[in-house]
Amino acid sequence: MTQTRSLSTIAREIRADYADKGKPVYFAAKPYVDAMATMGSVQDTYGADTGQYIVLYALSNLSTWRGDNARRIKAELRAMVN
């Protein structure tokens, strides 16, 4: 069985990758990354939204994020919601 990382851990890594590139998290993705930073899994809720909703919208708004880390993390997030 594969151990999945918490959404808060993934959010930290997304922020760190943007920071390493000298950029802020893309403005449209930031609210979703911020929400993920407070969550453990896609089964959690954030306000009235499900974790799955938060992750799907984060993925949609992270579409311009590029690089090896971006590909790996987005694949990990997609696996969580499938």
Protein backbone atom coordinates (compact mmCIF):
# COMPACT_ATOMS: atom_id res chain seq x y z
CA MET A 1 0.00 0.00 0.00
CA THR A 2 1.37 3.40 -0.98
CA GLN A 3 1.69 6.03 1.72
CA THR A 4 0.28 9.33 0.52
CA ARG A 5 1.63 12.61 1.78
CA SER A 6 -0.59 15.13 3.49
CA LEU A 7 -1.97 18.03 1.49
CA SER A 8 -0.24 20.41 3.89
CA THR A 9 3.14 18.82 3.07
CA ILE A 10 2.43 19.08 -0.64
CA ALA A 11 1.36 22.74 -0.28
CA ARG A 12 4.68 23.51 1.45
CA GLU A 13 6.55 21.88 -1.42
CA ILE A 14 4.55 23.86 -4.02
CA ARG A 15 5.36 27.12 -2.22
CA ALA A 16 9.04 26.15 -1.91
CA ASP A 17 9.32 25.33 -5.61
CA TYR A 18 7.82 28.68 -6.59
CA ALA A 19 10.14 30.43 -4.10
CA ASP A 20 13.17 28.59 -5.53
CA LYS A 21 12.21 30.07 -8.90
CA GLY A 22 11.93 33.53 -7.34
CA LYS A 23 8.19 33.77 -7.94
CA PRO A 24 5.08 33.89 -5.78
CA VAL A 25 2.50 31.11 -6.15
CA TYR A 26 0.31 31.95 -9.15
CA PHE A 27 -2.43 34.30 -7.88
CA ALA A 28 -5.33 32.11 -9.06
CA ALA A 29 -3.86 28.99 -7.42
CA LYS A 30 -2.83 30.69 -4.16
CA PRO A 31 -6.21 30.39 -2.35
CA TYR A 32 -6.31 26.67 -3.10
CA VAL A 33 -2.69 26.08 -2.09
CA ASP A 34 -3.41 28.06 1.11
CA ALA A 35 -6.44 25.85 1.79
CA MET A 36 -4.40 22.69 1.13
CA ALA A 37 -1.85 23.93 3.68
CA THR A 38 -4.47 23.41 6.40
CA MET A 39 -5.60 19.96 5.25
CA GLY A 40 -4.45 16.41 5.72
CA SER A 41 -6.20 14.61 2.87
CA VAL A 42 -8.83 14.95 0.16
CA GLN A 43 -11.36 13.57 2.65
CA ASP A 44 -10.99 16.73 4.77
CA THR A 45 -13.12 19.80 4.25
CA TYR A 46 -12.23 23.46 4.03
CA GLY A 47 -15.24 25.56 4.89
CA ALA A 48 -18.04 24.11 2.79
CA ASP A 49 -15.66 22.68 0.17
CA THR A 50 -14.37 19.13 0.02
CA GLY A 51 -10.68 18.38 -0.20
CA GLN A 52 -11.29 16.85 -3.60
CA TYR A 53 -12.80 20.13 -4.84
CA ILE A 54 -9.84 22.11 -3.46
CA VAL A 55 -7.29 19.82 -5.13
CA LEU A 56 -9.11 19.84 -8.49
CA TYR A 57 -9.28 23.62 -8.53
CA ALA A 58 -5.65 23.88 -7.44
CA LEU A 59 -4.64 21.60 -10.32
CA SER A 60 -6.66 23.67 -12.76
CA ASN A 61 -4.99 26.88 -11.60
CA LEU A 62 -1.51 25.37 -11.45
CA SER A 63 -1.59 24.51 -15.16
CA THR A 64 1.16 27.06 -15.95
CA TRP A 65 3.48 25.69 -13.23
CA ARG A 66 6.36 23.90 -14.98
CA GLY A 67 9.35 21.72 -14.18
CA ASP A 68 10.16 18.31 -12.78
CA ASN A 69 8.74 19.09 -9.33
CA ALA A 70 5.55 20.47 -10.87
CA ARG A 71 5.02 17.34 -12.99
CA ARG A 72 5.66 15.02 -10.05
CA ILE A 73 3.46 16.92 -7.59
CA LYS A 74 0.59 17.42 -10.04
CA ALA A 75 0.65 13.68 -10.82
CA GLU A 76 0.55 12.95 -7.07
CA LEU A 77 -2.44 15.29 -6.63
CA ARG A 78 -4.26 13.77 -9.62
CA ALA A 79 -3.78 10.29 -8.13
CA MET A 80 -5.33 11.49 -4.87
CA VAL A 81 -8.57 12.59 -6.55
CA ASN A 82 -8.91 9.63 -8.93
